[in-house]
Amino acid sequence: MNTILLILCNALSCFIISTILFQFMNGKYKKSSQSRYVYIVIETVTVIFTTCINMLNHSILNLVVWGVLTGVIAYALYYEDMDKPLRRIIECEALIFCMSVCESLGVILLQCILQAADIKNVNETMLYCLEVTFSKV
């Protein structure tokens, strides 16, 4: 049961980040492909792949994968009228960095709330699931 909960929390977390990233790129840049199904498939694969990476519980690997994946997606699937792919990639990487900082602040806030509410007997898996889920919001 704990494993299922952990997978669902990781998937929710990756879904939220992926949705924010794709909404940012869809609103700011033009799509390279005319088929909307390409973007649906890429977003779905992104969520599944990053969920699998998150399950390894290695924060540096997670950040590197998000960085590389974001750069590749921004370069390959989007363009601007004044085509400056480096600027487009840097903007998307900055968004990922900002979300990572917010994730860290969310975990700290969650720990403070648990401490302020004097909640000490929390199952380790449940605490991790809470941190993973609410740190992305």
N, C-alpha and C. Protein backbone atom coordinates (compact mmCIF):
# COMPACT_ATOMS: atom_id res chain seq x y z
N MET A 1 0.82 -1.20 0.00
CA MET A 1 0.00 0.00 0.00
C MET A 1 0.86 1.26 0.00
N ASN A 2 1.94 1.23 0.81
CA ASN A 2 2.83 2.39 0.86
C ASN A 2 3.48 2.65 -0.50
N THR A 3 3.83 1.57 -1.21
CA THR A 3 4.46 1.73 -2.52
C THR A 3 3.49 2.35 -3.52
N ILE A 4 2.25 1.92 -3.48
CA ILE A 4 1.25 2.48 -4.39
C ILE A 4 1.04 3.96 -4.10
N LEU A 5 0.96 4.30 -2.82
CA LEU A 5 0.80 5.70 -2.43
C LEU A 5 1.99 6.53 -2.88
N LEU A 6 3.19 5.99 -2.73
CA LEU A 6 4.40 6.69 -3.14
C LEU A 6 4.42 6.92 -4.65
N ILE A 7 4.04 5.91 -5.42
CA ILE A 7 4.00 6.04 -6.88
C ILE A 7 2.97 7.10 -7.29
N LEU A 8 1.81 7.08 -6.67
CA LEU A 8 0.77 8.06 -7.00
C LEU A 8 1.21 9.48 -6.65
N CYS A 9 1.86 9.65 -5.50
CA CYS A 9 2.35 10.98 -5.11
C CYS A 9 3.42 11.47 -6.07
N ASN A 10 4.33 10.57 -6.46
CA ASN A 10 5.36 10.95 -7.43
C ASN A 10 4.75 11.30 -8.78
N ALA A 11 3.79 10.51 -9.22
CA ALA A 11 3.14 10.78 -10.50
C ALA A 11 2.40 12.12 -10.47
N LEU A 12 1.72 12.41 -9.37
CA LEU A 12 1.02 13.69 -9.23
C LEU A 12 2.01 14.85 -9.27
N SER A 13 3.10 14.70 -8.57
CA SER A 13 4.13 15.73 -8.54
C SER A 13 4.68 16.00 -9.95
N CYS A 14 5.02 14.93 -10.66
CA CYS A 14 5.56 15.08 -12.02
C CYS A 14 4.52 15.64 -12.97
N PHE A 15 3.27 15.24 -12.79
CA PHE A 15 2.19 15.76 -13.62
C PHE A 15 2.04 17.27 -13.44
N ILE A 16 2.11 17.74 -12.20
CA ILE A 16 1.97 19.17 -11.93
C ILE A 16 3.10 19.96 -12.57
N ILE A 17 4.34 19.51 -12.39
CA ILE A 17 5.48 20.21 -12.97
C ILE A 17 5.41 20.19 -14.50
N SER A 18 5.10 19.04 -15.06
CA SER A 18 5.01 18.92 -16.51
C SER A 18 3.91 19.81 -17.07
N THR A 19 2.77 19.86 -16.41
CA THR A 19 1.67 20.71 -16.86
C THR A 19 2.05 22.18 -16.83
N ILE A 20 2.69 22.61 -15.74
CA ILE A 20 3.14 24.01 -15.66
C ILE A 20 4.13 24.32 -16.76
N LEU A 21 5.08 23.43 -16.98
CA LEU A 21 6.11 23.64 -18.01
C LEU A 21 5.49 23.72 -19.40
N PHE A 22 4.61 22.78 -19.74
CA PHE A 22 4.01 22.79 -21.07
C PHE A 22 3.06 23.97 -21.26
N GLN A 23 2.34 24.37 -20.23
CA GLN A 23 1.49 25.56 -20.35
C GLN A 23 2.33 26.80 -20.58
N PHE A 24 3.46 26.88 -19.90
CA PHE A 24 4.38 28.01 -20.11
C PHE A 24 4.86 28.05 -21.56
N MET A 25 5.33 26.90 -22.06
CA MET A 25 5.85 26.86 -23.43
C MET A 25 4.74 27.06 -24.46
N ASN A 26 3.57 26.49 -24.22
CA ASN A 26 2.45 26.66 -25.16
C ASN A 26 1.98 28.11 -25.23
N GLY A 27 2.06 28.82 -24.12
CA GLY A 27 1.63 30.21 -24.10
C GLY A 27 2.66 31.18 -24.65
N LYS A 28 3.92 30.82 -24.57
CA LYS A 28 4.99 31.75 -24.92
C LYS A 28 5.57 31.51 -26.32
N TYR A 29 5.58 30.27 -26.76
CA TYR A 29 6.23 29.92 -28.03
C TYR A 29 5.24 29.31 -29.01
N LYS A 30 5.67 29.20 -30.25
CA LYS A 30 4.87 28.54 -31.27
C LYS A 30 5.29 27.08 -31.36
N LYS A 31 4.31 26.23 -31.66
CA LYS A 31 4.58 24.80 -31.75
C LYS A 31 5.19 24.46 -33.10
N SER A 32 6.19 23.59 -33.09
CA SER A 32 6.85 23.16 -34.33
C SER A 32 5.97 22.20 -35.12
N SER A 33 5.20 21.38 -34.43
CA SER A 33 4.35 20.39 -35.08
C SER A 33 2.90 20.87 -35.10
N GLN A 34 2.20 20.57 -36.17
CA GLN A 34 0.80 20.95 -36.28
C GLN A 34 -0.11 19.97 -35.54
N SER A 35 0.39 18.76 -35.31
CA SER A 35 -0.41 17.73 -34.64
C SER A 35 -0.40 17.93 -33.13
N ARG A 36 -1.58 18.10 -32.56
CA ARG A 36 -1.65 18.29 -31.11
C ARG A 36 -1.37 17.00 -30.37
N TYR A 37 -1.54 15.85 -31.06
CA TYR A 37 -1.30 14.56 -30.42
C TYR A 37 0.18 14.36 -30.09
N VAL A 38 1.06 14.97 -30.86
CA VAL A 38 2.49 14.89 -30.57
C VAL A 38 2.76 15.46 -29.18
N TYR A 39 2.16 16.58 -28.87
CA TYR A 39 2.39 17.24 -27.59
C TYR A 39 1.74 16.48 -26.43
N ILE A 40 0.59 15.87 -26.69
CA ILE A 40 -0.07 15.05 -25.67
C ILE A 40 0.79 13.84 -25.34
N VAL A 41 1.31 13.18 -26.38
CA VAL A 41 2.16 12.01 -26.17
C VAL A 41 3.45 12.40 -25.46
N ILE A 42 4.08 13.49 -25.89
CA ILE A 42 5.33 13.93 -25.26
C ILE A 42 5.11 14.28 -23.79
N GLU A 43 4.02 14.96 -23.48
CA GLU A 43 3.74 15.31 -22.09
C GLU A 43 3.48 14.06 -21.25
N THR A 44 2.75 13.10 -21.80
CA THR A 44 2.48 11.85 -21.09
C THR A 44 3.76 11.07 -20.84
N VAL A 45 4.60 10.97 -21.87
CA VAL A 45 5.89 10.27 -21.72
C VAL A 45 6.77 11.00 -20.70
N THR A 46 6.74 12.32 -20.71
CA THR A 46 7.51 13.10 -19.74
C THR A 46 7.07 12.78 -18.32
N VAL A 47 5.78 12.72 -18.08
CA VAL A 47 5.27 12.41 -16.74
C VAL A 47 5.69 11.00 -16.31
N ILE A 48 5.52 10.03 -17.19
CA ILE A 48 5.87 8.65 -16.86
C ILE A 48 7.37 8.50 -16.62
N PHE A 49 8.17 9.08 -17.51
CA PHE A 49 9.63 8.96 -17.40
C PHE A 49 10.14 9.63 -16.12
N THR A 50 9.68 10.84 -15.86
CA THR A 50 10.17 11.55 -14.67
C THR A 50 9.64 10.91 -13.38
N THR A 51 8.47 10.30 -13.43
CA THR A 51 7.98 9.55 -12.27
C THR A 51 8.91 8.38 -11.97
N CYS A 52 9.33 7.67 -13.01
CA CYS A 52 10.28 6.56 -12.81
C CYS A 52 11.61 7.06 -12.24
N ILE A 53 12.09 8.19 -12.73
CA ILE A 53 13.34 8.76 -12.21
C ILE A 53 13.15 9.19 -10.76
N ASN A 54 12.01 9.82 -10.44
CA ASN A 54 11.72 10.23 -9.06
C ASN A 54 11.70 9.04 -8.11
N MET A 55 11.24 7.89 -8.59
CA MET A 55 11.17 6.71 -7.73
C MET A 55 12.55 6.22 -7.32
N LEU A 56 13.59 6.62 -8.05
CA LEU A 56 14.95 6.26 -7.66
C LEU A 56 15.41 7.03 -6.43
N ASN A 57 14.69 8.12 -6.10
CA ASN A 57 14.95 8.93 -4.91
C ASN A 57 16.38 9.51 -4.90
N HIS A 58 16.78 10.05 -6.04
CA HIS A 58 18.10 10.66 -6.16
C HIS A 58 17.89 12.09 -6.68
N SER A 59 17.99 13.07 -5.80
CA SER A 59 17.60 14.44 -6.13
C SER A 59 18.44 15.06 -7.25
N ILE A 60 19.74 14.81 -7.26
CA ILE A 60 20.60 15.38 -8.31
C ILE A 60 20.22 14.80 -9.68
N LEU A 61 20.04 13.48 -9.73
CA LEU A 61 19.63 12.85 -10.99
C LEU A 61 18.29 13.40 -11.45
N ASN A 62 17.37 13.58 -10.53
CA ASN A 62 16.06 14.13 -10.85
C ASN A 62 16.18 15.52 -11.47
N LEU A 63 16.98 16.37 -10.86
CA LEU A 63 17.16 17.74 -11.37
C LEU A 63 17.84 17.74 -12.74
N VAL A 64 18.85 16.87 -12.92
CA VAL A 64 19.55 16.78 -14.21
C VAL A 64 18.59 16.30 -15.30
N VAL A 65 17.80 15.29 -14.99
CA VAL A 65 16.84 14.77 -15.98
C VAL A 65 15.83 15.84 -16.37
N TRP A 66 15.29 16.56 -15.39
CA TRP A 66 14.35 17.64 -15.71
C TRP A 66 15.02 18.71 -16.56
N GLY A 67 16.27 19.05 -16.23
CA GLY A 67 16.99 20.07 -17.00
C GLY A 67 17.22 19.66 -18.44
N VAL A 68 17.71 18.44 -18.63
CA VAL A 68 17.99 17.95 -19.99
C VAL A 68 16.69 17.79 -20.78
N LEU A 69 15.70 17.19 -20.16
CA LEU A 69 14.42 16.97 -20.82
C LEU A 69 13.77 18.29 -21.23
N THR A 70 13.82 19.27 -20.34
CA THR A 70 13.26 20.59 -20.64
C THR A 70 13.98 21.24 -21.81
N GLY A 71 15.30 21.17 -21.82
CA GLY A 71 16.08 21.74 -22.91
C GLY A 71 15.76 21.10 -24.25
N VAL A 72 15.68 19.78 -24.26
CA VAL A 72 15.39 19.05 -25.51
C VAL A 72 13.99 19.39 -26.01
N ILE A 73 13.02 19.40 -25.11
CA ILE A 73 11.64 19.70 -25.52
C ILE A 73 11.53 21.13 -26.02
N ALA A 74 12.12 22.07 -25.30
CA ALA A 74 12.05 23.49 -25.72
C ALA A 74 12.74 23.70 -27.06
N TYR A 75 13.82 22.99 -27.31
CA TYR A 75 14.56 23.15 -28.56
C TYR A 75 13.85 22.48 -29.73
N ALA A 76 13.35 21.25 -29.51
CA ALA A 76 12.83 20.46 -30.61
C ALA A 76 11.37 20.75 -30.95
N LEU A 77 10.56 21.10 -29.97
CA LEU A 77 9.12 21.18 -30.21
C LEU A 77 8.55 22.59 -30.30
N TYR A 78 9.37 23.60 -30.04
CA TYR A 78 8.88 24.98 -30.04
C TYR A 78 9.83 25.90 -30.79
N TYR A 79 9.28 27.03 -31.27
CA TYR A 79 10.11 28.04 -31.94
C TYR A 79 9.50 29.41 -31.70
N GLU A 80 10.26 30.44 -32.04
CA GLU A 80 9.79 31.82 -31.97
C GLU A 80 9.99 32.45 -33.34
N ASP A 81 9.32 33.58 -33.58
CA ASP A 81 9.53 34.28 -34.85
C ASP A 81 10.98 34.73 -34.97
N MET A 82 11.49 35.32 -33.91
CA MET A 82 12.92 35.67 -33.87
C MET A 82 13.61 34.48 -33.21
N ASP A 83 13.95 33.49 -34.04
CA ASP A 83 14.40 32.21 -33.52
C ASP A 83 15.70 32.34 -32.74
N LYS A 84 15.59 32.28 -31.44
CA LYS A 84 16.74 32.28 -30.54
C LYS A 84 16.58 31.09 -29.61
N PRO A 85 17.01 29.91 -30.07
CA PRO A 85 16.77 28.71 -29.27
C PRO A 85 17.47 28.74 -27.91
N LEU A 86 18.63 29.36 -27.82
CA LEU A 86 19.33 29.41 -26.54
C LEU A 86 18.52 30.19 -25.51
N ARG A 87 17.94 31.31 -25.93
CA ARG A 87 17.12 32.10 -25.02
C ARG A 87 15.89 31.32 -24.57
N ARG A 88 15.28 30.60 -25.51
CA ARG A 88 14.10 29.79 -25.20
C ARG A 88 14.45 28.70 -24.19
N ILE A 89 15.58 28.05 -24.39
CA ILE A 89 16.01 26.99 -23.47
C ILE A 89 16.32 27.57 -22.09
N ILE A 90 17.01 28.70 -22.05
CA ILE A 90 17.37 29.32 -20.76
C ILE A 90 16.12 29.74 -20.00
N GLU A 91 15.12 30.28 -20.71
CA GLU A 91 13.87 30.66 -20.04
C GLU A 91 13.18 29.45 -19.42
N CYS A 92 13.15 28.36 -20.15
CA CYS A 92 12.50 27.15 -19.63
C CYS A 92 13.30 26.54 -18.48
N GLU A 93 14.62 26.58 -18.59
CA GLU A 93 15.47 26.08 -17.50
C GLU A 93 15.29 26.95 -16.25
N ALA A 94 15.13 28.25 -16.44
CA ALA A 94 14.90 29.15 -15.30
C ALA A 94 13.58 28.81 -14.62
N LEU A 95 12.57 28.45 -15.40
CA LEU A 95 11.29 28.04 -14.83
C LEU A 95 11.46 26.78 -13.99
N ILE A 96 12.21 25.81 -14.50
CA ILE A 96 12.47 24.57 -13.75
C ILE A 96 13.22 24.89 -12.47
N PHE A 97 14.19 25.80 -12.55
CA PHE A 97 14.96 26.20 -11.36
C PHE A 97 14.04 26.85 -10.33
N CYS A 98 13.15 27.73 -10.78
CA CYS A 98 12.21 28.39 -9.86
C CYS A 98 11.29 27.36 -9.21
N MET A 99 10.82 26.39 -9.97
CA MET A 99 9.96 25.36 -9.39
C MET A 99 10.73 24.51 -8.39
N SER A 100 12.02 24.27 -8.64
CA SER A 100 12.84 23.52 -7.69
C SER A 100 13.01 24.27 -6.39
N VAL A 101 13.22 25.58 -6.48
CA VAL A 101 13.33 26.41 -5.27
C VAL A 101 12.01 26.38 -4.50
N CYS A 102 10.90 26.52 -5.22
CA CYS A 102 9.59 26.47 -4.56
C CYS A 102 9.35 25.10 -3.92
N GLU A 103 9.83 24.05 -4.58
CA GLU A 103 9.71 22.70 -4.01
C GLU A 103 10.45 22.63 -2.67
N SER A 104 11.65 23.15 -2.64
CA SER A 104 12.44 23.14 -1.40
C SER A 104 11.76 23.95 -0.30
N LEU A 105 11.25 25.11 -0.66
CA LEU A 105 10.53 25.93 0.32
C LEU A 105 9.25 25.25 0.79
N GLY A 106 8.60 24.53 -0.11
CA GLY A 106 7.39 23.80 0.27
C GLY A 106 7.67 22.70 1.28
N VAL A 107 8.79 22.01 1.10
CA VAL A 107 9.17 20.96 2.06
C VAL A 107 9.47 21.57 3.42
N ILE A 108 10.19 22.69 3.44
CA ILE A 108 10.50 23.37 4.70
C ILE A 108 9.21 23.84 5.38
N LEU A 109 8.29 24.41 4.60
CA LEU A 109 7.02 24.86 5.15
C LEU A 109 6.22 23.70 5.73
N LEU A 110 6.19 22.57 5.02
CA LEU A 110 5.48 21.39 5.51
C LEU A 110 6.07 20.91 6.83
N GLN A 111 7.39 20.88 6.92
CA GLN A 111 8.04 20.47 8.18
C GLN A 111 7.69 21.42 9.31
N CYS A 112 7.65 22.71 9.03
CA CYS A 112 7.28 23.70 10.06
C CYS A 112 5.84 23.51 10.51
N ILE A 113 4.94 23.23 9.57
CA ILE A 113 3.53 23.01 9.92
C ILE A 113 3.39 21.78 10.79
N LEU A 114 4.07 20.69 10.42
CA LEU A 114 4.01 19.48 11.23
C LEU A 114 4.57 19.71 12.62
N GLN A 115 5.64 20.47 12.70
CA GLN A 115 6.25 20.77 14.00
C GLN A 115 5.33 21.69 14.82
N ALA A 116 4.74 22.69 14.20
CA ALA A 116 3.85 23.61 14.91
C ALA A 116 2.59 22.90 15.40
N ALA A 117 2.12 21.93 14.64
CA ALA A 117 0.94 21.17 15.04
C ALA A 117 1.30 20.04 16.00
N ASP A 118 2.57 19.92 16.32
CA ASP A 118 3.09 18.90 17.24
C ASP A 118 2.76 17.49 16.76
N ILE A 119 2.90 17.29 15.46
CA ILE A 119 2.70 15.97 14.86
C ILE A 119 4.07 15.33 14.71
N LYS A 120 4.29 14.26 15.51
CA LYS A 120 5.61 13.64 15.52
C LYS A 120 5.59 12.20 15.04
N ASN A 121 4.51 11.50 15.23
CA ASN A 121 4.44 10.09 14.89
C ASN A 121 3.88 9.88 13.49
N VAL A 122 4.62 10.34 12.51
CA VAL A 122 4.19 10.19 11.12
C VAL A 122 5.04 9.10 10.48
N ASN A 123 4.38 8.16 9.83
CA ASN A 123 5.08 7.11 9.12
C ASN A 123 6.05 7.74 8.12
N GLU A 124 7.24 7.18 8.01
CA GLU A 124 8.27 7.76 7.14
C GLU A 124 7.82 7.81 5.68
N THR A 125 7.15 6.77 5.22
CA THR A 125 6.66 6.77 3.84
C THR A 125 5.59 7.83 3.65
N MET A 126 4.70 7.95 4.63
CA MET A 126 3.64 8.96 4.54
C MET A 126 4.23 10.37 4.53
N LEU A 127 5.23 10.61 5.36
CA LEU A 127 5.88 11.92 5.39
C LEU A 127 6.53 12.22 4.04
N TYR A 128 7.20 11.23 3.46
CA TYR A 128 7.83 11.42 2.16
C TYR A 128 6.77 11.71 1.10
N CYS A 129 5.66 10.99 1.13
CA CYS A 129 4.58 11.22 0.17
C CYS A 129 4.01 12.63 0.30
N LEU A 130 3.83 13.08 1.53
CA LEU A 130 3.35 14.44 1.75
C LEU A 130 4.33 15.46 1.20
N GLU A 131 5.61 15.25 1.47
CA GLU A 131 6.63 16.19 0.98
C GLU A 131 6.66 16.22 -0.54
N VAL A 132 6.61 15.04 -1.17
CA VAL A 132 6.66 14.97 -2.63
C VAL A 132 5.44 15.63 -3.25
N THR A 133 4.26 15.38 -2.71
CA THR A 133 3.03 15.91 -3.28
C THR A 133 2.89 17.41 -3.07
N PHE A 134 3.04 17.87 -1.84
CA PHE A 134 2.76 19.26 -1.53
C PHE A 134 3.92 20.19 -1.83
N SER A 135 5.08 19.66 -2.09
CA SER A 135 6.20 20.55 -2.39
C SER A 135 6.08 21.14 -3.78
N LYS A 136 5.28 20.55 -4.65
CA LYS A 136 5.13 21.04 -6.02
C LYS A 136 4.04 22.09 -6.14
N VAL A 137 3.15 22.17 -5.14
CA VAL A 137 2.01 23.08 -5.23
C VAL A 137 2.43 24.50 -4.95
